[in-house]
N, C-alpha and C. Protein backbone atom coordinates (compact mmCIF):
# COMPACT_ATOMS: atom_id res chain seq x y z
N MET A 1 103.85 24.57 108.62
CA MET A 1 104.52 24.24 106.83
C MET A 1 105.98 24.25 106.50
N PRO A 2 105.74 23.54 105.31
CA PRO A 2 107.20 22.77 104.51
C PRO A 2 107.72 24.11 104.50
N LEU A 3 109.25 24.17 104.81
CA LEU A 3 110.04 24.86 104.38
C LEU A 3 110.42 24.81 102.70
N SER A 4 110.91 25.95 102.08
CA SER A 4 110.97 25.65 100.37
C SER A 4 112.93 25.94 100.27
N VAL A 5 113.45 24.35 100.70
CA VAL A 5 114.63 24.34 100.87
C VAL A 5 115.65 24.73 99.27
N LEU A 6 116.21 25.40 99.05
CA LEU A 6 117.29 25.62 97.92
C LEU A 6 118.20 24.29 97.67
N THR A 7 118.16 23.99 96.49
CA THR A 7 118.84 22.92 96.28
C THR A 7 120.97 23.78 96.27
N PRO A 8 121.82 22.42 96.51
CA PRO A 8 123.05 23.17 96.83
C PRO A 8 123.74 23.05 95.35
N PRO A 9 124.61 23.88 95.23
CA PRO A 9 125.05 23.50 94.05
C PRO A 9 125.81 21.79 94.21
N SER A 10 126.17 21.32 93.05
CA SER A 10 126.37 19.93 92.86
C SER A 10 128.05 19.65 92.99
N PRO A 11 129.00 20.61 93.26
CA PRO A 11 130.59 20.82 93.49
C PRO A 11 130.53 21.17 94.78
N ALA A 12 129.60 22.00 95.26
CA ALA A 12 129.42 22.22 96.85
C ALA A 12 129.73 20.61 97.56
N LEU A 13 128.61 19.99 97.58
CA LEU A 13 127.94 18.86 97.99
C LEU A 13 129.26 17.74 97.93
N ARG A 14 129.68 17.63 96.43
CA ARG A 14 131.02 16.81 96.03
C ARG A 14 131.85 16.86 96.93
N SER A 15 132.32 18.29 96.86
CA SER A 15 133.72 18.55 98.25
C SER A 15 133.47 17.93 99.30
N VAL A 16 132.00 18.27 99.98
CA VAL A 16 131.89 17.68 101.35
C VAL A 16 132.00 16.11 101.36
N ASN A 17 131.43 15.59 100.39
CA ASN A 17 131.00 14.07 100.47
C ASN A 17 132.54 13.79 99.95
N ALA A 18 133.34 13.72 99.25
CA ALA A 18 134.57 13.61 99.30
C ALA A 18 135.83 13.48 100.52
N ALA A 19 135.33 14.92 101.64
CA ALA A 19 135.64 14.73 102.79
C ALA A 19 135.69 13.77 103.94
N LEU A 20 134.13 13.23 103.37
CA LEU A 20 133.50 12.58 104.41
C LEU A 20 134.27 10.96 104.28
N LYS A 21 134.87 10.61 102.89
CA LYS A 21 135.37 9.43 102.84
C LYS A 21 136.78 9.62 103.05
N SER A 22 137.24 10.89 103.46
CA SER A 22 138.94 10.98 104.06
C SER A 22 139.39 10.92 105.17
N PRO A 23 140.08 9.88 105.46
CA PRO A 23 140.27 9.48 106.96
C PRO A 23 141.02 10.69 107.73
N THR A 24 141.91 11.47 106.85
CA THR A 24 142.72 12.62 107.11
C THR A 24 141.82 14.00 107.47
N ALA A 25 140.91 14.29 106.43
CA ALA A 25 139.43 15.37 106.70
C ALA A 25 138.76 14.91 108.48
N VAL A 26 138.64 13.74 108.29
CA VAL A 26 137.68 13.24 109.78
C VAL A 26 138.10 13.32 110.87
N ARG A 27 139.54 13.20 110.97
CA ARG A 27 140.02 12.94 111.93
C ARG A 27 139.89 14.44 112.81
N GLY A 28 139.87 13.70 114.15
CA GLY A 28 139.46 15.01 114.87
C GLY A 28 138.24 15.49 115.19
N THR A 29 137.08 14.73 114.34
CA THR A 29 135.82 15.07 114.49
C THR A 29 135.61 13.95 115.20
N ARG A 30 134.92 13.98 116.59
CA ARG A 30 134.67 13.13 117.09
C ARG A 30 133.53 12.43 117.13
N ALA A 31 132.73 13.56 116.30
CA ALA A 31 130.56 13.10 116.45
C ALA A 31 131.10 12.69 114.62
N LEU A 32 132.20 12.25 113.72
CA LEU A 32 132.45 11.71 112.71
C LEU A 32 132.82 10.17 112.54
N ALA A 33 132.90 9.62 114.00
CA ALA A 33 133.30 8.55 114.03
C ALA A 33 132.59 7.33 113.69
N PRO A 34 132.89 6.00 112.46
CA PRO A 34 132.23 5.76 112.12
C PRO A 34 131.21 4.77 113.43
N VAL A 35 129.83 5.11 113.22
CA VAL A 35 128.67 5.01 113.96
C VAL A 35 128.08 3.38 113.46
N SER A 36 128.61 2.42 113.99
CA SER A 36 128.21 1.56 113.73
C SER A 36 128.46 0.27 112.27
N GLY A 37 129.75 1.59 111.65
CA GLY A 37 130.31 0.95 110.26
C GLY A 37 129.71 2.02 109.23
N SER A 38 128.91 2.62 109.23
CA SER A 38 128.17 3.58 108.57
C SER A 38 128.99 5.10 108.38
N PRO A 39 129.25 5.23 107.70
CA PRO A 39 129.63 7.04 107.44
C PRO A 39 128.29 8.00 107.62
N ALA A 40 128.85 8.61 108.15
CA ALA A 40 127.66 10.41 108.11
C ALA A 40 127.18 10.44 106.26
N ASP A 41 125.61 11.09 106.79
CA ASP A 41 125.49 11.55 105.19
C ASP A 41 124.99 13.00 104.90
N ALA A 42 125.30 13.44 104.32
CA ALA A 42 124.90 14.92 104.21
C ALA A 42 123.41 14.95 104.05
N THR A 43 122.78 16.05 104.52
CA THR A 43 121.34 16.67 104.61
C THR A 43 121.15 17.75 105.28
N ASP A 44 120.10 18.64 104.93
CA ASP A 44 119.55 19.93 105.27
C ASP A 44 120.23 20.44 105.04
N ALA A 45 121.34 20.93 103.40
CA ALA A 45 121.66 21.70 102.94
C ALA A 45 121.04 23.39 102.99
N LEU A 46 122.25 24.61 103.91
CA LEU A 46 121.39 25.79 103.76
C LEU A 46 122.67 26.90 103.41
N PRO A 47 122.17 27.26 102.45
CA PRO A 47 123.61 28.55 101.68
C PRO A 47 123.85 29.69 103.34
N VAL A 48 125.22 29.42 103.46
CA VAL A 48 125.55 30.95 104.52
C VAL A 48 125.96 31.78 103.97
N HIS A 49 124.89 32.90 104.53
CA HIS A 49 125.47 34.06 104.27
C HIS A 49 126.13 34.84 105.65
N VAL A 50 127.45 36.01 104.74
CA VAL A 50 127.84 37.06 105.95
C VAL A 50 127.34 38.28 105.98
N LEU A 51 127.14 38.85 107.09
CA LEU A 51 126.34 40.11 106.83
C LEU A 51 126.85 40.87 106.42
N ALA A 52 127.11 41.66 105.69
CA ALA A 52 128.00 42.80 104.52
C ALA A 52 127.92 44.12 105.11
N GLY A 53 126.66 44.25 105.04
CA GLY A 53 126.09 45.74 105.37
C GLY A 53 124.87 45.66 106.32
N VAL A 54 124.98 46.32 107.44
CA VAL A 54 123.32 46.88 108.22
C VAL A 54 122.38 47.63 107.27
N GLY A 55 123.52 48.62 107.14
CA GLY A 55 122.89 50.03 106.62
C GLY A 55 123.29 50.35 105.46
N ALA A 56 123.28 49.79 104.03
CA ALA A 56 123.80 49.99 102.98
C ALA A 56 123.63 51.21 102.81
N ALA A 57 123.89 51.83 101.42
CA ALA A 57 123.40 52.98 101.15
C ALA A 57 122.26 53.34 100.75
N ASP A 58 121.40 52.59 100.02
CA ASP A 58 120.14 52.74 100.19
C ASP A 58 119.45 52.49 101.08
N GLY A 59 119.63 51.89 102.26
CA GLY A 59 119.70 51.37 103.44
C GLY A 59 118.97 50.15 103.53
N THR A 60 119.39 49.42 102.46
CA THR A 60 118.92 47.87 102.30
C THR A 60 120.30 46.72 102.28
N PRO A 61 119.82 45.88 104.05
CA PRO A 61 120.99 45.70 104.39
C PRO A 61 121.07 44.24 103.38
N ARG A 62 122.42 44.12 103.59
CA ARG A 62 122.75 43.17 102.03
C ARG A 62 123.59 42.09 102.91
N ALA A 63 123.76 41.04 102.65
CA ALA A 63 124.63 39.73 102.72
C ALA A 63 125.13 39.05 101.93
N ALA A 64 126.48 38.46 101.81
CA ALA A 64 126.85 38.07 100.69
C ALA A 64 126.87 36.36 101.30
N LEU A 65 126.77 35.56 100.17
CA LEU A 65 126.75 34.32 100.19
C LEU A 65 128.17 33.89 100.16
N THR A 66 128.54 32.92 101.42
CA THR A 66 129.89 32.56 101.13
C THR A 66 130.21 30.76 101.09
N GLY A 67 129.24 30.03 101.51
CA GLY A 67 129.64 28.94 101.63
C GLY A 67 127.61 27.94 101.58
N TRP A 68 128.13 26.60 101.68
CA TRP A 68 126.84 25.92 101.89
C TRP A 68 127.33 25.09 103.39
N ARG A 69 126.30 24.95 104.12
CA ARG A 69 126.39 23.89 105.31
C ARG A 69 125.56 22.89 105.29
N PHE A 70 126.17 21.75 105.61
CA PHE A 70 125.34 20.44 105.19
C PHE A 70 125.16 19.68 107.00
N HIS A 71 124.15 19.28 106.93
CA HIS A 71 123.87 18.68 108.37
C HIS A 71 124.23 17.57 108.11
N LEU A 72 125.32 16.84 108.75
CA LEU A 72 125.25 14.97 109.19
C LEU A 72 125.00 14.25 109.88
N ALA A 73 124.39 13.18 109.39
CA ALA A 73 123.24 12.46 110.15
C ALA A 73 124.22 11.05 110.67
N ALA A 74 124.03 10.71 110.94
CA ALA A 74 124.42 8.82 111.35
C ALA A 74 123.40 8.47 112.35
N GLU A 75 123.17 7.41 111.77
CA GLU A 75 121.78 6.87 112.26
C GLU A 75 120.62 7.39 113.14
N GLY A 76 120.52 8.42 112.22
CA GLY A 76 118.98 9.03 112.03
C GLY A 76 118.77 10.42 112.72
N ARG A 77 120.22 10.27 113.72
CA ARG A 77 120.50 11.79 113.91
C ARG A 77 121.19 12.55 113.89
N VAL A 78 121.16 13.84 113.90
CA VAL A 78 122.52 14.85 113.52
C VAL A 78 123.19 14.63 114.45
N VAL A 79 124.52 14.92 114.14
CA VAL A 79 125.86 14.48 114.75
C VAL A 79 127.19 15.45 114.51
N ALA A 80 126.69 16.47 113.25
CA ALA A 80 127.66 17.18 112.74
C ALA A 80 127.44 18.09 112.05
N ALA A 81 128.48 19.10 111.25
CA ALA A 81 128.29 19.84 110.09
C ALA A 81 129.10 20.08 109.90
N ALA A 82 129.08 20.09 107.92
CA ALA A 82 130.29 20.35 106.96
C ALA A 82 130.03 21.66 106.24
N GLU A 83 130.80 22.35 105.90
CA GLU A 83 130.89 23.38 105.33
C GLU A 83 131.64 23.12 103.76
N ALA A 84 131.08 23.75 103.10
CA ALA A 84 131.84 24.27 101.70
C ALA A 84 131.69 25.26 101.51
N ARG A 85 133.00 26.03 101.35
CA ARG A 85 132.97 27.26 100.25
C ARG A 85 133.60 28.19 98.86
N ILE A 86 132.60 28.67 98.61
CA ILE A 86 133.12 29.22 97.37
C ILE A 86 134.52 30.03 97.15
N THR A 87 135.17 29.34 96.31
CA THR A 87 136.73 29.53 96.03
C THR A 87 136.62 30.61 94.85
N PRO A 88 137.73 30.64 94.08
CA PRO A 88 138.31 31.11 93.10
C PRO A 88 137.87 30.14 91.95
N ASP A 89 138.50 29.51 92.45
CA ASP A 89 138.43 27.60 91.64
C ASP A 89 137.12 26.81 91.40
N GLY A 90 136.44 27.15 92.29
CA GLY A 90 135.11 26.68 92.44
C GLY A 90 134.76 26.73 93.99
N TRP A 91 133.72 25.00 94.42
CA TRP A 91 133.81 24.99 95.53
C TRP A 91 134.38 23.94 96.27
N ALA A 92 134.52 24.35 97.76
CA ALA A 92 135.83 23.14 97.96
C ALA A 92 135.19 23.11 99.55
N PHE A 93 135.68 22.22 99.66
CA PHE A 93 135.33 21.88 101.42
C PHE A 93 136.04 22.53 102.23
N SER A 94 135.87 23.23 103.60
CA SER A 94 136.19 24.21 104.23
C SER A 94 136.25 23.42 105.57
N HIS A 95 135.13 23.23 106.40
CA HIS A 95 135.69 22.40 107.59
C HIS A 95 134.17 21.40 108.33
N PHE A 96 134.86 21.05 109.12
CA PHE A 96 133.46 20.11 110.04
C PHE A 96 133.23 21.04 111.39
N SER A 97 131.98 21.04 111.65
CA SER A 97 132.16 21.64 113.23
C SER A 97 131.04 20.28 114.03
N GLU A 98 131.31 20.44 115.13
CA GLU A 98 130.14 20.06 116.47
C GLU A 98 129.48 21.01 117.12
N GLY A 99 129.81 22.03 116.98
CA GLY A 99 129.54 23.06 118.21
C GLY A 99 128.39 22.76 118.45
N PRO A 100 127.56 24.10 119.16
CA PRO A 100 126.18 23.97 119.68
C PRO A 100 125.42 24.61 118.46
N TYR A 101 125.99 25.38 117.00
CA TYR A 101 125.29 25.75 115.98
C TYR A 101 124.13 24.42 115.63
N VAL A 102 124.97 23.63 115.64
CA VAL A 102 124.75 22.57 114.60
C VAL A 102 123.59 22.08 115.59
N ALA A 103 123.19 21.26 116.61
CA ALA A 103 121.86 21.14 117.48
C ALA A 103 120.78 22.72 117.16
N SER A 104 121.58 23.75 117.67
CA SER A 104 120.35 24.57 117.50
C SER A 104 119.84 24.69 116.40
N THR A 105 120.62 24.77 115.30
CA THR A 105 120.03 24.94 113.94
C THR A 105 118.93 23.94 113.51
N GLN A 106 119.01 22.55 113.97
CA GLN A 106 117.77 21.90 114.20
C GLN A 106 117.07 22.07 114.63
N ARG A 107 117.05 22.57 115.93
CA ARG A 107 115.72 23.34 116.71
C ARG A 107 114.89 24.67 115.72
N ALA A 108 115.79 25.44 115.20
CA ALA A 108 115.05 26.44 114.66
C ALA A 108 114.70 26.31 113.46
N LEU A 109 114.94 25.03 112.65
CA LEU A 109 114.62 24.56 111.18
C LEU A 109 113.20 24.18 111.96
N ARG A 110 112.94 22.98 112.91
CA ARG A 110 111.43 22.33 113.12
C ARG A 110 110.68 23.58 113.74
N GLN A 111 111.36 24.56 114.13
CA GLN A 111 110.49 25.91 114.78
C GLN A 111 109.87 26.28 113.63
N ALA A 112 110.75 26.42 112.26
CA ALA A 112 110.46 27.00 111.01
C ALA A 112 109.34 26.40 110.37
N GLU A 113 109.32 25.31 110.57
CA GLU A 113 107.91 24.46 109.58
C GLU A 113 106.69 24.44 110.15
N SER A 114 107.15 24.87 111.64
CA SER A 114 105.21 25.37 112.36
C SER A 114 104.92 26.50 112.02
N LEU A 115 105.64 27.39 111.03
CA LEU A 115 105.42 28.67 111.12
C LEU A 115 104.19 28.65 109.74
N PRO A 116 103.17 29.68 110.07
CA PRO A 116 102.23 29.16 108.42
C PRO A 116 102.23 29.80 107.62
N ALA A 117 103.72 30.69 107.16
CA ALA A 117 103.82 30.86 105.73
C ALA A 117 104.96 29.83 105.06
N LEU A 118 104.84 30.41 103.90
CA LEU A 118 106.33 29.39 103.63
C LEU A 118 107.27 30.26 102.80
N LEU A 119 108.10 29.99 104.04
CA LEU A 119 109.31 30.30 104.07
C LEU A 119 110.76 29.88 103.33
N GLN A 120 112.06 30.45 102.94
CA GLN A 120 112.99 30.05 102.61
C GLN A 120 114.16 29.89 103.06
N PRO A 121 114.64 28.43 103.89
CA PRO A 121 115.87 29.01 104.74
C PRO A 121 117.27 28.69 104.33
N ARG A 122 118.25 29.88 105.45
CA ARG A 122 119.28 30.41 105.22
C ARG A 122 119.93 30.21 106.67
N LEU A 123 121.26 30.59 106.70
CA LEU A 123 121.75 30.99 107.39
C LEU A 123 122.42 31.96 107.40
N LEU A 124 122.60 33.17 108.46
CA LEU A 124 122.90 34.33 108.35
C LEU A 124 123.96 34.62 109.72
N SER A 125 124.98 35.05 109.02
CA SER A 125 126.33 34.78 110.15
C SER A 125 126.60 35.93 110.21
N VAL A 126 127.08 36.67 111.72
CA VAL A 126 127.73 38.14 111.69
C VAL A 126 128.63 38.14 112.48
N PRO A 127 129.98 37.92 112.02
CA PRO A 127 130.91 37.48 112.97
C PRO A 127 131.66 38.70 113.94
N GLU A 128 131.52 39.54 113.49
CA GLU A 128 131.86 40.76 114.67
C GLU A 128 131.06 40.38 116.25
N LEU A 129 130.08 40.02 115.91
CA LEU A 129 129.04 39.94 117.21
C LEU A 129 128.48 38.14 117.53
N TYR A 130 129.85 37.41 116.95
CA TYR A 130 129.64 35.75 117.39
C TYR A 130 128.61 35.55 117.27
N MET A 131 127.52 35.92 116.33
CA MET A 131 126.38 35.73 115.96
C MET A 131 125.80 34.44 114.67
N VAL A 132 125.10 33.67 114.65
CA VAL A 132 124.52 32.99 113.71
C VAL A 132 122.82 32.81 113.76
N THR A 133 122.14 33.37 112.23
CA THR A 133 120.69 33.48 112.96
C THR A 133 120.11 31.88 111.52
N LEU A 134 119.24 32.05 111.91
CA LEU A 134 118.34 31.04 110.51
C LEU A 134 118.28 32.07 109.87
N TRP A 135 117.91 31.88 109.05
CA TRP A 135 117.31 33.50 108.03
C TRP A 135 116.39 32.96 107.55
N LEU A 136 114.71 33.16 107.56
CA LEU A 136 113.67 32.63 106.88
C LEU A 136 113.25 33.63 105.91
N ARG A 137 113.79 33.39 104.16
CA ARG A 137 113.30 34.33 103.60
C ARG A 137 112.10 34.25 103.10
N ALA A 138 111.01 35.35 102.99
CA ALA A 138 109.70 36.05 102.55
C ALA A 138 109.81 35.77 101.38
N ASP A 139 110.79 35.91 100.12
CA ASP A 139 110.37 35.66 99.02
C ASP A 139 111.20 34.19 98.52
N VAL A 140 110.27 33.36 98.55
CA VAL A 140 110.76 31.87 98.33
C VAL A 140 111.31 31.56 97.07
N THR A 141 111.38 32.45 96.09
CA THR A 141 112.00 32.78 94.44
C THR A 141 113.70 32.88 94.24
N ALA A 142 113.72 33.45 95.54
CA ALA A 142 115.16 34.06 95.52
C ALA A 142 116.50 32.94 95.55
N PRO A 143 116.92 33.42 94.48
CA PRO A 143 118.35 32.53 94.09
C PRO A 143 119.24 32.35 95.36
N ALA A 144 119.63 31.50 95.66
CA ALA A 144 120.89 31.29 96.59
C ALA A 144 121.94 32.81 96.78
N GLU A 145 122.39 32.96 95.61
CA GLU A 145 123.31 34.02 95.36
C GLU A 145 122.48 35.71 96.46
N SER A 146 121.39 35.58 96.24
CA SER A 146 120.84 37.07 96.39
C SER A 146 120.89 37.12 97.88
N GLY A 147 121.75 38.31 98.32
CA GLY A 147 121.92 38.59 99.36
C GLY A 147 121.19 40.08 100.53
N THR A 148 119.70 40.19 99.43
CA THR A 148 119.09 41.72 100.02
C THR A 148 118.44 40.77 101.37
N VAL A 149 118.17 41.53 102.55
CA VAL A 149 117.86 41.04 103.76
C VAL A 149 116.27 42.07 103.52
N ASP A 150 115.36 41.66 102.96
CA ASP A 150 114.01 42.14 103.05
C ASP A 150 113.52 42.01 104.55
N PRO A 151 113.00 43.88 105.28
CA PRO A 151 112.12 43.67 106.72
C PRO A 151 111.47 42.50 107.08
N ALA A 152 110.89 42.37 105.74
CA ALA A 152 109.37 41.64 106.59
C ALA A 152 110.09 39.60 106.62
N ASP A 153 111.55 39.87 106.32
CA ASP A 153 112.17 38.36 106.18
C ASP A 153 112.36 37.86 107.90
N LEU A 154 112.72 36.92 108.48
CA LEU A 154 112.46 36.48 109.84
C LEU A 154 113.94 36.14 109.92
N LEU A 155 114.52 36.72 111.29
CA LEU A 155 115.39 35.75 111.37
C LEU A 155 115.40 34.85 113.05
N VAL A 156 115.68 33.79 113.06
CA VAL A 156 115.77 33.54 114.22
C VAL A 156 117.45 33.10 114.95
N PRO A 157 117.71 33.97 116.24
CA PRO A 157 119.19 33.70 116.51
C PRO A 157 119.19 32.41 117.17
N LEU A 158 120.15 31.67 116.66
CA LEU A 158 120.61 30.14 116.91
C LEU A 158 121.61 30.60 118.42
N ALA A 159 121.21 29.51 118.84
CA ALA A 159 122.13 28.99 120.63
C ALA A 159 123.74 28.94 120.43
N PRO A 160 124.49 29.44 121.30
CA PRO A 160 124.39 30.88 121.77
C PRO A 160 124.03 31.97 121.11
N ALA A 161 123.67 32.79 121.52
CA ALA A 161 123.06 34.14 121.19
C ALA A 161 123.95 35.22 121.53
N PRO A 162 124.15 36.31 121.48
CA PRO A 162 124.92 37.35 122.30
C PRO A 162 124.21 37.85 123.34
N PRO A 163 124.57 38.12 124.19
CA PRO A 163 123.64 38.69 125.66
C PRO A 163 122.90 40.14 125.39
N GLY A 164 121.81 39.45 125.35
CA GLY A 164 120.76 40.40 125.32
C GLY A 164 119.51 40.21 124.28
N ILE A 165 119.81 39.15 123.40
CA ILE A 165 119.38 38.94 122.23
C ILE A 165 119.05 37.25 122.46
N ARG A 166 117.80 37.21 122.69
CA ARG A 166 117.23 35.84 122.78
C ARG A 166 117.33 34.84 121.84
N ALA A 167 117.82 33.48 121.71
CA ALA A 167 118.17 32.41 121.38
C ALA A 167 116.76 32.32 120.87
N HIS A 168 116.03 31.76 119.76
CA HIS A 168 114.87 30.87 118.90
C HIS A 168 113.57 31.50 118.67
N ARG A 169 113.90 33.14 119.08
CA ARG A 169 112.67 33.58 118.94
C ARG A 169 113.01 34.67 117.70
N ALA A 170 111.70 33.81 117.12
CA ALA A 170 111.62 34.68 115.42
C ALA A 170 111.63 36.17 115.56
N HIS A 171 112.41 37.64 115.01
CA HIS A 171 112.43 39.03 114.93
C HIS A 171 112.48 38.96 113.22
N ARG A 172 111.52 39.94 113.23
CA ARG A 172 111.38 40.54 111.70
C ARG A 172 112.69 41.20 111.95
N ALA A 173 113.15 40.91 110.74
CA ALA A 173 114.69 41.34 110.14
C ALA A 173 114.46 43.40 110.45
N GLY A 174 113.44 44.10 109.98
CA GLY A 174 113.19 45.15 109.94
C GLY A 174 113.46 45.26 111.16
N ASP A 175 113.16 44.67 112.62
CA ASP A 175 113.14 44.94 113.93
C ASP A 175 114.53 44.58 115.05
N LEU A 176 115.17 43.37 114.15
CA LEU A 176 116.55 42.74 114.93
C LEU A 176 117.39 43.82 114.27
N LEU A 177 117.54 43.75 112.56
CA LEU A 177 118.91 44.55 112.63
C LEU A 177 118.88 46.08 112.72
N PRO A 178 118.13 46.84 113.24
CA PRO A 178 118.81 47.98 113.72
C PRO A 178 119.66 47.79 115.20
N ALA A 179 118.95 47.07 115.63
CA ALA A 179 119.53 46.41 117.28
C ALA A 179 121.15 46.22 116.71
N LEU A 180 120.91 44.97 115.61
CA LEU A 180 122.60 44.88 115.31
C LEU A 180 123.50 45.99 114.87
N ARG A 181 122.66 46.94 114.19
CA ARG A 181 123.40 47.84 113.62
C ARG A 181 123.92 48.84 115.19
N ASP A 182 123.17 48.63 116.02
CA ASP A 182 124.33 49.83 117.03
C ASP A 182 124.89 49.02 117.63
N ARG A 183 124.85 47.74 117.57
CA ARG A 183 125.84 46.72 118.17
C ARG A 183 127.23 46.92 117.68
N LEU A 184 127.13 46.84 116.13
CA LEU A 184 128.23 46.70 115.70
C LEU A 184 129.06 48.15 115.45
N ALA A 185 128.39 48.83 115.49
CA ALA A 185 128.91 50.31 115.46
C ALA A 185 129.46 50.56 116.85
N GLY A 186 128.99 49.80 118.07
CA GLY A 186 130.15 49.55 119.35
C GLY A 186 130.79 48.52 119.54
N VAL A 187 130.89 47.78 118.42
CA VAL A 187 132.02 46.87 118.57
C VAL A 187 133.41 47.35 117.71
N ARG A 188 132.78 48.31 116.53
CA ARG A 188 133.97 49.02 115.84
C ARG A 188 134.10 49.81 116.68
N LEU A 189 133.87 50.79 117.36
CA LEU A 189 134.40 52.07 117.85
C LEU A 189 135.50 50.89 119.43
N LEU A 190 134.85 50.42 119.78
CA LEU A 190 135.55 49.80 121.07
C LEU A 190 137.02 49.23 120.35
N GLY A 191 136.98 48.35 118.57
CA GLY A 191 138.35 48.33 118.21
C GLY A 191 139.03 49.13 117.50
N SER A 192 138.33 50.87 117.07
CA SER A 192 139.36 51.47 117.24
C SER A 192 140.31 52.14 117.82
N SER A 193 139.29 52.33 119.72
CA SER A 193 139.95 52.67 120.28
C SER A 193 141.03 51.53 121.16
N ALA A 194 141.33 50.35 120.48
CA ALA A 194 142.28 50.23 120.87
C ALA A 194 143.88 50.20 120.43
């Protein structure tokens, strides 16, 4: 079933397009070297959230919107990603990336399109675990800013996933988040003893 994709804010897309035209911004990004003289195009925009609390006071996991990630396609294939971040002055280009999460996100999106339910795709980052998931919201009417993670939502860990968590396997948020809470507690405990 097709995914219910959100429309990115125009200023976020403009900031990425401006960066793509800037020789200074693209320097050092091998995948963005002009392919046959044609620049990359921004596609597949996904809001990026960072897990802010696995168990908030009311028990509901929360995530904060931090940016929008755009996949960059050249000659019909995705070669990199660009991210726009929200700042006090509005949306601004943040960075390009060429790492493994680019291909992994594309794979997870294809998997999600084969699911029988209409879902809204987002990215959910868990920085303390070096983990990114494709977050598939069951509530397709939720605005991008909404960061409530419903237990019925699906989370698809992207590769590379942390040890013991299988990449590209859809988990109900209500099943995966308790395991992440335990891991985060261990990470924080290790950090406080250092």
